[in-house]
Amino acid sequence: MDNEKLSKADYQAAMYSQSAVNVSGLVKSLAEITSRIWNTARDIGKGTEWVNQHPIVQLFTYQIVARSFKREFIAWDGYTKAYAFVEQVVNGNLAPDDDWANCNASTGAEESHELS
């Protein structure tokens, strides 16, 4: 079984996903990264809920939903928190294998995101 861990590049991919327009590419990338999220979850004794709510998963699924509906789409509070955590990893302030559920990363930006 592959036991590859999450990397900073996985978090960077989540940030890049926010400007993606190809749903099939988003789904493919998310599937690849999710296997590494599961490896981390198993290492720290977490399960499906932790994986489903991981900040990387949230950013990818937000963009998948946004591209699928093509209408005004208001972000949920979890999106802002997920983006803040991912940004902290990308900027080197948190490690890729930090437990996002126990972190309180914030960008200070609490805003809605709308589709154009």
PDB file of N, CA and C in Angstrom:
ATOM      1  N   MET A   1       0.843  -1.189   0.000  1.00  0.00           N
ATOM      2  CA  MET A   1       0.000   0.000   0.000  1.00  0.00           C
ATOM      3  C   MET A   1       0.888   1.252   0.000  1.00  0.00           C
ATOM      4  N   ASP A   2       0.538   2.230  -0.804  1.00  0.00           N
ATOM      5  CA  ASP A   2       1.256   3.487  -0.891  1.00  0.00           C
ATOM      6  C   ASP A   2       1.015   4.276   0.388  1.00  0.00           C
ATOM      7  N   ASN A   3       2.090   4.748   1.020  1.00  0.00           N
ATOM      8  CA  ASN A   3       1.951   5.515   2.258  1.00  0.00           C
ATOM      9  C   ASN A   3       2.529   6.918   2.082  1.00  0.00           C
ATOM     10  N   GLU A   4       2.387   7.463   0.868  1.00  0.00           N
ATOM     11  CA  GLU A   4       2.887   8.802   0.579  1.00  0.00           C
ATOM     12  C   GLU A   4       2.145   9.826   1.433  1.00  0.00           C
ATOM     13  N   LYS A   5       2.876  10.775   1.975  1.00  0.00           N
ATOM     14  CA  LYS A   5       2.317  11.785   2.878  1.00  0.00           C
ATOM     15  C   LYS A   5       1.945  13.062   2.128  1.00  0.00           C
ATOM     16  N   LEU A   6       1.105  13.854   2.764  1.00  0.00           N
ATOM     17  CA  LEU A   6       0.770  15.172   2.228  1.00  0.00           C
ATOM     18  C   LEU A   6       2.024  16.025   2.154  1.00  0.00           C
ATOM     19  N   SER A   7       2.064  16.877   1.170  1.00  0.00           N
ATOM     20  CA  SER A   7       3.202  17.779   1.012  1.00  0.00           C
ATOM     21  C   SER A   7       2.692  19.211   0.846  1.00  0.00           C
ATOM     22  N   LYS A   8       3.618  20.126   0.914  1.00  0.00           N
ATOM     23  CA  LYS A   8       3.289  21.526   0.669  1.00  0.00           C
ATOM     24  C   LYS A   8       2.698  21.686  -0.731  1.00  0.00           C
ATOM     25  N   ALA A   9       3.172  20.892  -1.680  1.00  0.00           N
ATOM     26  CA  ALA A   9       2.660  20.954  -3.052  1.00  0.00           C
ATOM     27  C   ALA A   9       1.171  20.595  -3.117  1.00  0.00           C
ATOM     28  N   ASP A  10       0.713  19.695  -2.257  1.00  0.00           N
ATOM     29  CA  ASP A  10      -0.716  19.352  -2.225  1.00  0.00           C
ATOM     30  C   ASP A  10      -1.547  20.555  -1.790  1.00  0.00           C
ATOM     31  N   TYR A  11      -1.032  21.289  -0.822  1.00  0.00           N
ATOM     32  CA  TYR A  11      -1.724  22.496  -0.361  1.00  0.00           C
ATOM     33  C   TYR A  11      -1.688  23.582  -1.434  1.00  0.00           C
ATOM     34  N   GLN A  12      -0.557  23.680  -2.135  1.00  0.00           N
ATOM     35  CA  GLN A  12      -0.458  24.648  -3.232  1.00  0.00           C
ATOM     36  C   GLN A  12      -1.468  24.297  -4.314  1.00  0.00           C
ATOM     37  N   ALA A  13      -1.640  23.005  -4.605  1.00  0.00           N
ATOM     38  CA  ALA A  13      -2.624  22.576  -5.603  1.00  0.00           C
ATOM     39  C   ALA A  13      -4.031  22.986  -5.185  1.00  0.00           C
ATOM     40  N   ALA A  14      -4.304  22.923  -3.894  1.00  0.00           N
ATOM     41  CA  ALA A  14      -5.626  23.338  -3.401  1.00  0.00           C
ATOM     42  C   ALA A  14      -5.836  24.832  -3.635  1.00  0.00           C
ATOM     43  N   MET A  15      -4.804  25.612  -3.441  1.00  0.00           N
ATOM     44  CA  MET A  15      -4.926  27.049  -3.706  1.00  0.00           C
ATOM     45  C   MET A  15      -5.116  27.287  -5.203  1.00  0.00           C
ATOM     46  N   TYR A  16      -4.343  26.601  -6.034  1.00  0.00           N
ATOM     47  CA  TYR A  16      -4.489  26.744  -7.490  1.00  0.00           C
ATOM     48  C   TYR A  16      -5.875  26.313  -7.959  1.00  0.00           C
ATOM     49  N   SER A  17      -6.466  25.370  -7.251  1.00  0.00           N
ATOM     50  CA  SER A  17      -7.787  24.868  -7.661  1.00  0.00           C
ATOM     51  C   SER A  17      -8.835  25.974  -7.663  1.00  0.00           C
ATOM     52  N   GLN A  18      -8.595  27.030  -6.917  1.00  0.00           N
ATOM     53  CA  GLN A  18      -9.584  28.093  -6.803  1.00  0.00           C
ATOM     54  C   GLN A  18      -9.747  28.911  -8.079  1.00  0.00           C
ATOM     55  N   SER A  19      -8.822  28.749  -9.008  1.00  0.00           N
ATOM     56  CA  SER A  19      -8.967  29.439 -10.295  1.00  0.00           C
ATOM     57  C   SER A  19      -9.185  28.448 -11.442  1.00  0.00           C
ATOM     58  N   ALA A  20      -9.368  27.186 -11.113  1.00  0.00           N
ATOM     59  CA  ALA A  20      -9.563  26.149 -12.135  1.00  0.00           C
ATOM     60  C   ALA A  20     -10.966  26.228 -12.742  1.00  0.00           C
ATOM     61  N   VAL A  21     -11.071  25.836 -14.004  1.00  0.00           N
ATOM     62  CA  VAL A  21     -12.369  25.841 -14.679  1.00  0.00           C
ATOM     63  C   VAL A  21     -12.762  24.458 -15.191  1.00  0.00           C
ATOM     64  N   ASN A  22     -11.848  23.502 -15.145  1.00  0.00           N
ATOM     65  CA  ASN A  22     -12.091  22.173 -15.675  1.00  0.00           C
ATOM     66  C   ASN A  22     -12.447  21.222 -14.534  1.00  0.00           C
ATOM     67  N   VAL A  23     -13.720  20.877 -14.417  1.00  0.00           N
ATOM     68  CA  VAL A  23     -14.180  20.025 -13.317  1.00  0.00           C
ATOM     69  C   VAL A  23     -13.492  18.663 -13.338  1.00  0.00           C
ATOM     70  N   SER A  24     -13.299  18.083 -14.516  1.00  0.00           N
ATOM     71  CA  SER A  24     -12.675  16.759 -14.562  1.00  0.00           C
ATOM     72  C   SER A  24     -11.241  16.807 -14.035  1.00  0.00           C
ATOM     73  N   GLY A  25     -10.523  17.879 -14.313  1.00  0.00           N
ATOM     74  CA  GLY A  25      -9.175  18.032 -13.775  1.00  0.00           C
ATOM     75  C   GLY A  25      -9.186  18.196 -12.266  1.00  0.00           C
ATOM     76  N   LEU A  26     -10.157  18.946 -11.771  1.00  0.00           N
ATOM     77  CA  LEU A  26     -10.298  19.110 -10.325  1.00  0.00           C
ATOM     78  C   LEU A  26     -10.555  17.775  -9.643  1.00  0.00           C
ATOM     79  N   VAL A  27     -11.466  16.991 -10.212  1.00  0.00           N
ATOM     80  CA  VAL A  27     -11.813  15.702  -9.624  1.00  0.00           C
ATOM     81  C   VAL A  27     -10.600  14.767  -9.621  1.00  0.00           C
ATOM     82  N   LYS A  28      -9.875  14.730 -10.719  1.00  0.00           N
ATOM     83  CA  LYS A  28      -8.692  13.869 -10.821  1.00  0.00           C
ATOM     84  C   LYS A  28      -7.643  14.268  -9.785  1.00  0.00           C
ATOM     85  N   SER A  29      -7.362  15.555  -9.684  1.00  0.00           N
ATOM     86  CA  SER A  29      -6.376  16.024  -8.709  1.00  0.00           C
ATOM     87  C   SER A  29      -6.819  15.738  -7.282  1.00  0.00           C
ATOM     88  N   LEU A  30      -8.088  15.984  -7.000  1.00  0.00           N
ATOM     89  CA  LEU A  30      -8.591  15.729  -5.654  1.00  0.00           C
ATOM     90  C   LEU A  30      -8.467  14.250  -5.300  1.00  0.00           C
ATOM     91  N   ALA A  31      -8.772  13.361  -6.246  1.00  0.00           N
ATOM     92  CA  ALA A  31      -8.669  11.923  -5.980  1.00  0.00           C
ATOM     93  C   ALA A  31      -7.227  11.542  -5.631  1.00  0.00           C
ATOM     94  N   GLU A  32      -6.273  12.087  -6.358  1.00  0.00           N
ATOM     95  CA  GLU A  32      -4.862  11.776  -6.093  1.00  0.00           C
ATOM     96  C   GLU A  32      -4.431  12.277  -4.715  1.00  0.00           C
ATOM     97  N   ILE A  33      -4.829  13.492  -4.382  1.00  0.00           N
ATOM     98  CA  ILE A  33      -4.438  14.081  -3.096  1.00  0.00           C
ATOM     99  C   ILE A  33      -5.171  13.404  -1.939  1.00  0.00           C
ATOM    100  N   THR A  34      -6.411  12.990  -2.161  1.00  0.00           N
ATOM    101  CA  THR A  34      -7.190  12.377  -1.090  1.00  0.00           C
ATOM    102  C   THR A  34      -6.534  11.103  -0.571  1.00  0.00           C
ATOM    103  N   SER A  35      -5.861  10.365  -1.428  1.00  0.00           N
ATOM    104  CA  SER A  35      -5.170   9.162  -0.934  1.00  0.00           C
ATOM    105  C   SER A  35      -4.094   9.547   0.083  1.00  0.00           C
ATOM    106  N   ARG A  36      -3.434  10.666  -0.119  1.00  0.00           N
ATOM    107  CA  ARG A  36      -2.424  11.121   0.833  1.00  0.00           C
ATOM    108  C   ARG A  36      -3.075  11.684   2.102  1.00  0.00           C
ATOM    109  N   ILE A  37      -4.238  12.302   1.953  1.00  0.00           N
ATOM    110  CA  ILE A  37      -4.966  12.774   3.140  1.00  0.00           C
ATOM    111  C   ILE A  37      -5.339  11.572   4.000  1.00  0.00           C
ATOM    112  N   TRP A  38      -5.781  10.492   3.358  1.00  0.00           N
ATOM    113  CA  TRP A  38      -6.127   9.280   4.100  1.00  0.00           C
ATOM    114  C   TRP A  38      -4.912   8.709   4.823  1.00  0.00           C
ATOM    115  N   ASN A  39      -3.742   8.742   4.202  1.00  0.00           N
ATOM    116  CA  ASN A  39      -2.537   8.249   4.875  1.00  0.00           C
ATOM    117  C   ASN A  39      -2.277   9.038   6.150  1.00  0.00           C
ATOM    118  N   THR A  40      -2.422  10.344   6.069  1.00  0.00           N
ATOM    119  CA  THR A  40      -2.243  11.185   7.248  1.00  0.00           C
ATOM    120  C   THR A  40      -3.312  10.877   8.291  1.00  0.00           C
ATOM    121  N   ALA A  41      -4.548  10.744   7.856  1.00  0.00           N
ATOM    122  CA  ALA A  41      -5.644  10.454   8.789  1.00  0.00           C
ATOM    123  C   ALA A  41      -5.378   9.156   9.554  1.00  0.00           C
ATOM    124  N   ARG A  42      -4.974   8.129   8.846  1.00  0.00           N
ATOM    125  CA  ARG A  42      -4.688   6.851   9.517  1.00  0.00           C
ATOM    126  C   ARG A  42      -3.543   6.998  10.510  1.00  0.00           C
ATOM    127  N   ASP A  43      -2.517   7.770  10.142  1.00  0.00           N
ATOM    128  CA  ASP A  43      -1.363   7.959  11.031  1.00  0.00           C
ATOM    129  C   ASP A  43      -1.749   8.630  12.342  1.00  0.00           C
ATOM    130  N   ILE A  44      -2.753   9.494  12.307  1.00  0.00           N
ATOM    131  CA  ILE A  44      -3.131  10.221  13.536  1.00  0.00           C
ATOM    132  C   ILE A  44      -4.451   9.722  14.121  1.00  0.00           C
ATOM    133  N   GLY A  45      -4.945   8.589  13.618  1.00  0.00           N
ATOM    134  CA  GLY A  45      -6.137   7.967  14.188  1.00  0.00           C
ATOM    135  C   GLY A  45      -7.443   8.654  13.844  1.00  0.00           C
ATOM    136  N   LYS A  46      -7.509   9.303  12.697  1.00  0.00           N
ATOM    137  CA  LYS A  46      -8.729   9.997  12.274  1.00  0.00           C
ATOM    138  C   LYS A  46      -9.438   9.169  11.211  1.00  0.00           C
ATOM    139  N   GLY A  47     -10.687   9.544  10.920  1.00  0.00           N
ATOM    140  CA  GLY A  47     -11.485   8.784   9.976  1.00  0.00           C
ATOM    141  C   GLY A  47     -12.132   9.630   8.894  1.00  0.00           C
ATOM    142  N   THR A  48     -13.258   9.115   8.395  1.00  0.00           N
ATOM    143  CA  THR A  48     -13.938   9.703   7.246  1.00  0.00           C
ATOM    144  C   THR A  48     -14.324  11.161   7.463  1.00  0.00           C
ATOM    145  N   GLU A  49     -14.879  11.481   8.596  1.00  0.00           N
ATOM    146  CA  GLU A  49     -15.310  12.866   8.833  1.00  0.00           C
ATOM    147  C   GLU A  49     -14.120  13.820   8.756  1.00  0.00           C
ATOM    148  N   TRP A  50     -12.999  13.426   9.341  1.00  0.00           N
ATOM    149  CA  TRP A  50     -11.802  14.266   9.315  1.00  0.00           C
ATOM    150  C   TRP A  50     -11.329  14.465   7.885  1.00  0.00           C
ATOM    151  N   VAL A  51     -11.327  13.391   7.091  1.00  0.00           N
ATOM    152  CA  VAL A  51     -10.907  13.478   5.691  1.00  0.00           C
ATOM    153  C   VAL A  51     -11.874  14.358   4.903  1.00  0.00           C
ATOM    154  N   ASN A  52     -13.174  14.125   5.072  1.00  0.00           N
ATOM    155  CA  ASN A  52     -14.178  14.890   4.336  1.00  0.00           C
ATOM    156  C   ASN A  52     -14.107  16.384   4.640  1.00  0.00           C
ATOM    157  N   GLN A  53     -13.698  16.735   5.835  1.00  0.00           N
ATOM    158  CA  GLN A  53     -13.658  18.141   6.235  1.00  0.00           C
ATOM    159  C   GLN A  53     -12.262  18.750   6.144  1.00  0.00           C
ATOM    160  N   HIS A  54     -11.307  17.990   5.607  1.00  0.00           N
ATOM    161  CA  HIS A  54      -9.938  18.501   5.480  1.00  0.00           C
ATOM    162  C   HIS A  54      -9.956  19.767   4.614  1.00  0.00           C
ATOM    163  N   PRO A  55      -9.172  20.772   4.957  1.00  0.00           N
ATOM    164  CA  PRO A  55      -9.157  22.017   4.178  1.00  0.00           C
ATOM    165  C   PRO A  55      -8.888  21.827   2.687  1.00  0.00           C
ATOM    166  N   ILE A  56      -8.031  20.905   2.322  1.00  0.00           N
ATOM    167  CA  ILE A  56      -7.783  20.663   0.897  1.00  0.00           C
ATOM    168  C   ILE A  56      -9.049  20.164   0.224  1.00  0.00           C
ATOM    169  N   VAL A  57      -9.736  19.230   0.859  1.00  0.00           N
ATOM    170  CA  VAL A  57     -10.991  18.695   0.305  1.00  0.00           C
ATOM    171  C   VAL A  57     -12.020  19.809   0.182  1.00  0.00           C
ATOM    172  N   GLN A  58     -12.105  20.652   1.196  1.00  0.00           N
ATOM    173  CA  GLN A  58     -13.071  21.747   1.157  1.00  0.00           C
ATOM    174  C   GLN A  58     -12.805  22.698   0.000  1.00  0.00           C
ATOM    175  N   LEU A  59     -11.550  23.059  -0.228  1.00  0.00           N
ATOM    176  CA  LEU A  59     -11.255  23.987  -1.321  1.00  0.00           C
ATOM    177  C   LEU A  59     -11.563  23.368  -2.680  1.00  0.00           C
ATOM    178  N   PHE A  60     -11.158  22.128  -2.877  1.00  0.00           N
ATOM    179  CA  PHE A  60     -11.452  21.473  -4.152  1.00  0.00           C
ATOM    180  C   PHE A  60     -12.955  21.320  -4.358  1.00  0.00           C
ATOM    181  N   THR A  61     -13.679  20.859  -3.339  1.00  0.00           N
ATOM    182  CA  THR A  61     -15.122  20.633  -3.526  1.00  0.00           C
ATOM    183  C   THR A  61     -15.863  21.952  -3.713  1.00  0.00           C
ATOM    184  N   TYR A  62     -15.409  23.003  -3.051  1.00  0.00           N
ATOM    185  CA  TYR A  62     -16.017  24.310  -3.266  1.00  0.00           C
ATOM    186  C   TYR A  62     -15.929  24.688  -4.742  1.00  0.00           C
ATOM    187  N   GLN A  63     -14.751  24.514  -5.323  1.00  0.00           N
ATOM    188  CA  GLN A  63     -14.561  24.903  -6.723  1.00  0.00           C
ATOM    189  C   GLN A  63     -15.337  23.976  -7.659  1.00  0.00           C
ATOM    190  N   ILE A  64     -15.391  22.693  -7.333  1.00  0.00           N
ATOM    191  CA  ILE A  64     -16.168  21.753  -8.151  1.00  0.00           C
ATOM    192  C   ILE A  64     -17.637  22.157  -8.162  1.00  0.00           C
ATOM    193  N   VAL A  65     -18.169  22.466  -6.999  1.00  0.00           N
ATOM    194  CA  VAL A  65     -19.575  22.888  -6.914  1.00  0.00           C
ATOM    195  C   VAL A  65     -19.773  24.215  -7.648  1.00  0.00           C
ATOM    196  N   ALA A  66     -18.866  25.146  -7.438  1.00  0.00           N
ATOM    197  CA  ALA A  66     -18.991  26.458  -8.080  1.00  0.00           C
ATOM    198  C   ALA A  66     -18.973  26.336  -9.602  1.00  0.00           C
ATOM    199  N   ARG A  67     -18.077  25.528 -10.144  1.00  0.00           N
ATOM    200  CA  ARG A  67     -18.006  25.339 -11.596  1.00  0.00           C
ATOM    201  C   ARG A  67     -19.214  24.578 -12.121  1.00  0.00           C
ATOM    202  N   SER A  68     -19.771  23.719 -11.321  1.00  0.00           N
ATOM    203  CA  SER A  68     -20.903  22.901 -11.764  1.00  0.00           C
ATOM    204  C   SER A  68     -22.199  23.693 -11.862  1.00  0.00           C
ATOM    205  N   PHE A  69     -22.403  24.637 -10.944  1.00  0.00           N
ATOM    206  CA  PHE A  69     -23.670  25.358 -10.911  1.00  0.00           C
ATOM    207  C   PHE A  69     -23.650  26.660 -11.698  1.00  0.00           C
ATOM    208  N   LYS A  70     -22.490  27.270 -11.871  1.00  0.00           N
ATOM    209  CA  LYS A  70     -22.350  28.515 -12.638  1.00  0.00           C
ATOM    210  C   LYS A  70     -23.394  29.575 -12.275  1.00  0.00           C
ATOM    211  N   ARG A  71     -23.507  29.821 -11.015  1.00  0.00           N
ATOM    212  CA  ARG A  71     -24.386  30.897 -10.558  1.00  0.00           C
ATOM    213  C   ARG A  71     -23.789  31.461  -9.275  1.00  0.00           C
ATOM    214  N   GLU A  72     -24.413  32.493  -8.757  1.00  0.00           N
ATOM    215  CA  GLU A  72     -23.907  33.075  -7.519  1.00  0.00           C
ATOM    216  C   GLU A  72     -23.811  31.990  -6.462  1.00  0.00           C
ATOM    217  N   PHE A  73     -22.697  31.956  -5.824  1.00  0.00           N
ATOM    218  CA  PHE A  73     -22.432  30.903  -4.850  1.00  0.00           C
ATOM    219  C   PHE A  73     -21.763  31.537  -3.644  1.00  0.00           C
ATOM    220  N   ILE A  74     -22.447  31.549  -2.532  1.00  0.00           N
ATOM    221  CA  ILE A  74     -21.930  32.179  -1.328  1.00  0.00           C
ATOM    222  C   ILE A  74     -21.123  31.154  -0.525  1.00  0.00           C
ATOM    223  N   ALA A  75     -19.926  31.532  -0.130  1.00  0.00           N
ATOM    224  CA  ALA A  75     -19.059  30.625   0.624  1.00  0.00           C
ATOM    225  C   ALA A  75     -19.592  30.400   2.030  1.00  0.00           C
ATOM    226  N   TRP A  76     -19.351  29.226   2.521  1.00  0.00           N
ATOM    227  CA  TRP A  76     -19.666  28.924   3.903  1.00  0.00           C
ATOM    228  C   TRP A  76     -18.460  29.276   4.755  1.00  0.00           C
ATOM    229  N   ASP A  77     -18.680  29.435   6.057  1.00  0.00           N
ATOM    230  CA  ASP A  77     -17.623  29.803   6.989  1.00  0.00           C
ATOM    231  C   ASP A  77     -16.449  28.831   6.901  1.00  0.00           C
ATOM    232  N   GLY A  78     -16.741  27.564   6.693  1.00  0.00           N
ATOM    233  CA  GLY A  78     -15.697  26.553   6.608  1.00  0.00           C
ATOM    234  C   GLY A  78     -14.730  26.804   5.471  1.00  0.00           C
ATOM    235  N   TYR A  79     -15.213  27.405   4.386  1.00  0.00           N
ATOM    236  CA  TYR A  79     -14.340  27.712   3.240  1.00  0.00           C
ATOM    237  C   TYR A  79     -13.239  28.678   3.657  1.00  0.00           C
ATOM    238  N   THR A  80     -13.617  29.740   4.344  1.00  0.00           N
ATOM    239  CA  THR A  80     -12.656  30.751   4.754  1.00  0.00           C
ATOM    240  C   THR A  80     -11.615  30.154   5.685  1.00  0.00           C
ATOM    241  N   LYS A  81     -12.058  29.309   6.607  1.00  0.00           N
ATOM    242  CA  LYS A  81     -11.123  28.661   7.534  1.00  0.00           C
ATOM    243  C   LYS A  81     -10.227  27.674   6.791  1.00  0.00           C
ATOM    244  N   ALA A  82     -10.796  26.940   5.864  1.00  0.00           N
ATOM    245  CA  ALA A  82     -10.011  25.982   5.085  1.00  0.00           C
ATOM    246  C   ALA A  82      -8.949  26.709   4.268  1.00  0.00           C
ATOM    247  N   TYR A  83      -9.331  27.791   3.607  1.00  0.00           N
ATOM    248  CA  TYR A  83      -8.382  28.547   2.796  1.00  0.00           C
ATOM    249  C   TYR A  83      -7.254  29.090   3.672  1.00  0.00           C
ATOM    250  N   ALA A  84      -7.603  29.587   4.853  1.00  0.00           N
ATOM    251  CA  ALA A  84      -6.597  30.133   5.760  1.00  0.00           C
ATOM    252  C   ALA A  84      -5.586  29.066   6.175  1.00  0.00           C
ATOM    253  N   PHE A  85      -6.063  27.862   6.468  1.00  0.00           N
ATOM    254  CA  PHE A  85      -5.155  26.788   6.861  1.00  0.00           C
ATOM    255  C   PHE A  85      -4.230  26.420   5.709  1.00  0.00           C
ATOM    256  N   VAL A  86      -4.799  26.240   4.528  1.00  0.00           N
ATOM    257  CA  VAL A  86      -4.002  25.886   3.349  1.00  0.00           C
ATOM    258  C   VAL A  86      -2.952  26.963   3.077  1.00  0.00           C
ATOM    259  N   GLU A  87      -3.359  28.207   3.163  1.00  0.00           N
ATOM    260  CA  GLU A  87      -2.440  29.318   2.935  1.00  0.00           C
ATOM    261  C   GLU A  87      -1.287  29.297   3.938  1.00  0.00           C
ATOM    262  N   GLN A  88      -1.588  28.969   5.192  1.00  0.00           N
ATOM    263  CA  GLN A  88      -0.543  28.901   6.224  1.00  0.00           C
ATOM    264  C   GLN A  88       0.476  27.805   5.917  1.00  0.00           C
ATOM    265  N   VAL A  89       0.006  26.672   5.389  1.00  0.00           N
ATOM    266  CA  VAL A  89       0.924  25.594   5.006  1.00  0.00           C
ATOM    267  C   VAL A  89       1.779  26.028   3.827  1.00  0.00           C
ATOM    268  N   VAL A  90       1.142  26.613   2.822  1.00  0.00           N
ATOM    269  CA  VAL A  90       1.876  27.062   1.634  1.00  0.00           C
ATOM    270  C   VAL A  90       2.930  28.105   2.006  1.00  0.00           C
ATOM    271  N   ASN A  91       2.603  28.973   2.939  1.00  0.00           N
ATOM    272  CA  ASN A  91       3.535  30.028   3.351  1.00  0.00           C
ATOM    273  C   ASN A  91       4.586  29.539   4.341  1.00  0.00           C
ATOM    274  N   GLY A  92       4.512  28.260   4.737  1.00  0.00           N
ATOM    275  CA  GLY A  92       5.509  27.698   5.636  1.00  0.00           C
ATOM    276  C   GLY A  92       5.253  27.928   7.111  1.00  0.00           C
ATOM    277  N   ASN A  93       4.095  28.449   7.474  1.00  0.00           N
ATOM    278  CA  ASN A  93       3.779  28.691   8.880  1.00  0.00           C
ATOM    279  C   ASN A  93       3.251  27.454   9.597  1.00  0.00           C
ATOM    280  N   LEU A  94       2.753  26.491   8.844  1.00  0.00           N
ATOM    281  CA  LEU A  94       2.294  25.217   9.385  1.00  0.00           C
ATOM    282  C   LEU A  94       2.890  24.104   8.542  1.00  0.00           C
ATOM    283  N   ALA A  95       3.008  22.926   9.125  1.00  0.00           N
ATOM    284  CA  ALA A  95       3.537  21.771   8.401  1.00  0.00           C
ATOM    285  C   ALA A  95       2.401  21.065   7.659  1.00  0.00           C
ATOM    286  N   PRO A  96       2.708  20.429   6.508  1.00  0.00           N
ATOM    287  CA  PRO A  96       1.672  19.726   5.746  1.00  0.00           C
ATOM    288  C   PRO A  96       0.942  18.654   6.545  1.00  0.00           C
ATOM    289  N   ASP A  97       1.606  18.079   7.539  1.00  0.00           N
ATOM    290  CA  ASP A  97       0.951  17.021   8.310  1.00  0.00           C
ATOM    291  C   ASP A  97       0.384  17.511   9.641  1.00  0.00           C
ATOM    292  N   ASP A  98       0.292  18.838   9.842  1.00  0.00           N
ATOM    293  CA  ASP A  98      -0.373  19.363  11.037  1.00  0.00           C
ATOM    294  C   ASP A  98      -1.841  18.966  11.013  1.00  0.00           C
ATOM    295  N   ASP A  99      -2.394  18.720  12.182  1.00  0.00           N
ATOM    296  CA  ASP A  99      -3.806  18.343  12.287  1.00  0.00           C
ATOM    297  C   ASP A  99      -4.647  19.605  12.166  1.00  0.00           C
ATOM    298  N   TRP A 100      -5.279  19.769  11.005  1.00  0.00           N
ATOM    299  CA  TRP A 100      -6.057  20.980  10.738  1.00  0.00           C
ATOM    300  C   TRP A 100      -7.160  21.179  11.770  1.00  0.00           C
ATOM    301  N   ALA A 101      -7.694  20.095  12.337  1.00  0.00           N
ATOM    302  CA  ALA A 101      -8.804  20.201  13.288  1.00  0.00           C
ATOM    303  C   ALA A 101      -8.377  20.866  14.589  1.00  0.00           C
ATOM    304  N   ASN A 102      -7.078  20.874  14.861  1.00  0.00           N
ATOM    305  CA  ASN A 102      -6.581  21.472  16.092  1.00  0.00           C
ATOM    306  C   ASN A 102      -5.881  22.802  15.864  1.00  0.00           C
ATOM    307  N   CYS A 103      -5.970  23.337  14.671  1.00  0.00           N
ATOM    308  CA  CYS A 103      -5.345  24.620  14.346  1.00  0.00           C
ATOM    309  C   CYS A 103      -6.406  25.691  14.218  1.00  0.00           C
ATOM    310  N   ASN A 104      -6.012  26.904  14.458  1.00  0.00           N
ATOM    311  CA  ASN A 104      -6.930  28.025  14.356  1.00  0.00           C
ATOM    312  C   ASN A 104      -6.355  29.052  13.396  1.00  0.00           C
ATOM    313  N   ALA A 105      -6.019  28.606  12.183  1.00  0.00           N
ATOM    314  CA  ALA A 105      -5.447  29.513  11.179  1.00  0.00           C
ATOM    315  C   ALA A 105      -6.497  30.505  10.718  1.00  0.00           C
ATOM    316  N   SER A 106      -6.062  31.716  10.505  1.00  0.00           N
ATOM    317  CA  SER A 106      -6.988  32.745  10.039  1.00  0.00           C
ATOM    318  C   SER A 106      -6.260  33.737   9.155  1.00  0.00           C
ATOM    319  N   THR A 107      -6.943  34.173   8.112  1.00  0.00           N
ATOM    320  CA  THR A 107      -6.396  35.227   7.260  1.00  0.00           C
ATOM    321  C   THR A 107      -6.941  36.579   7.685  1.00  0.00           C
ATOM    322  N   GLY A 108      -7.952  36.544   8.528  1.00  0.00           N
ATOM    323  CA  GLY A 108      -8.612  37.775   8.911  1.00  0.00           C
ATOM    324  C   GLY A 108      -9.644  38.212   7.905  1.00  0.00           C
ATOM    325  N   ALA A 109      -9.776  37.488   6.823  1.00  0.00           N
ATOM    326  CA  ALA A 109     -10.730  37.840   5.767  1.00  0.00           C
ATOM    327  C   ALA A 109     -11.950  36.951   5.883  1.00  0.00           C
ATOM    328  N   GLU A 110     -13.047  37.510   6.257  1.00  0.00           N
ATOM    329  CA  GLU A 110     -14.306  36.781   6.310  1.00  0.00           C
ATOM    330  C   GLU A 110     -15.187  37.355   5.215  1.00  0.00           C
ATOM    331  N   GLU A 111     -15.134  36.740   4.040  1.00  0.00           N
ATOM    332  CA  GLU A 111     -15.856  37.304   2.912  1.00  0.00           C
ATOM    333  C   GLU A 111     -16.595  36.234   2.147  1.00  0.00           C
ATOM    334  N   SER A 112     -17.545  36.665   1.370  1.00  0.00           N
ATOM    335  CA  SER A 112     -18.264  35.761   0.484  1.00  0.00           C
ATOM    336  C   SER A 112     -17.565  35.722  -0.854  1.00  0.00           C
ATOM    337  N   HIS A 113     -17.691  34.589  -1.524  1.00  0.00           N
ATOM    338  CA  HIS A 113     -17.108  34.435  -2.849  1.00  0.00           C
ATOM    339  C   HIS A 113     -18.243  34.200  -3.825  1.00  0.00           C
ATOM    340  N   GLU A 114     -18.263  34.944  -4.898  1.00  0.00           N
ATOM    341  CA  GLU A 114     -19.312  34.809  -5.885  1.00  0.00           C
ATOM    342  C   GLU A 114     -18.703  34.420  -7.217  1.00  0.00           C
ATOM    343  N   LEU A 115     -19.448  33.679  -7.967  1.00  0.00           N
ATOM    344  CA  LEU A 115     -19.014  33.319  -9.308  1.00  0.00           C
ATOM    345  C   LEU A 115     -19.261  34.475 -10.261  1.00  0.00           C
ATOM    346  N   SER A 116     -18.375  34.606 -11.188  1.00  0.00           N
ATOM    347  CA  SER A 116     -18.595  35.646 -12.188  1.00  0.00           C
ATOM    348  C   SER A 116     -19.273  35.055 -13.394  1.00  0.00           C
TER     349      SER A 116
END
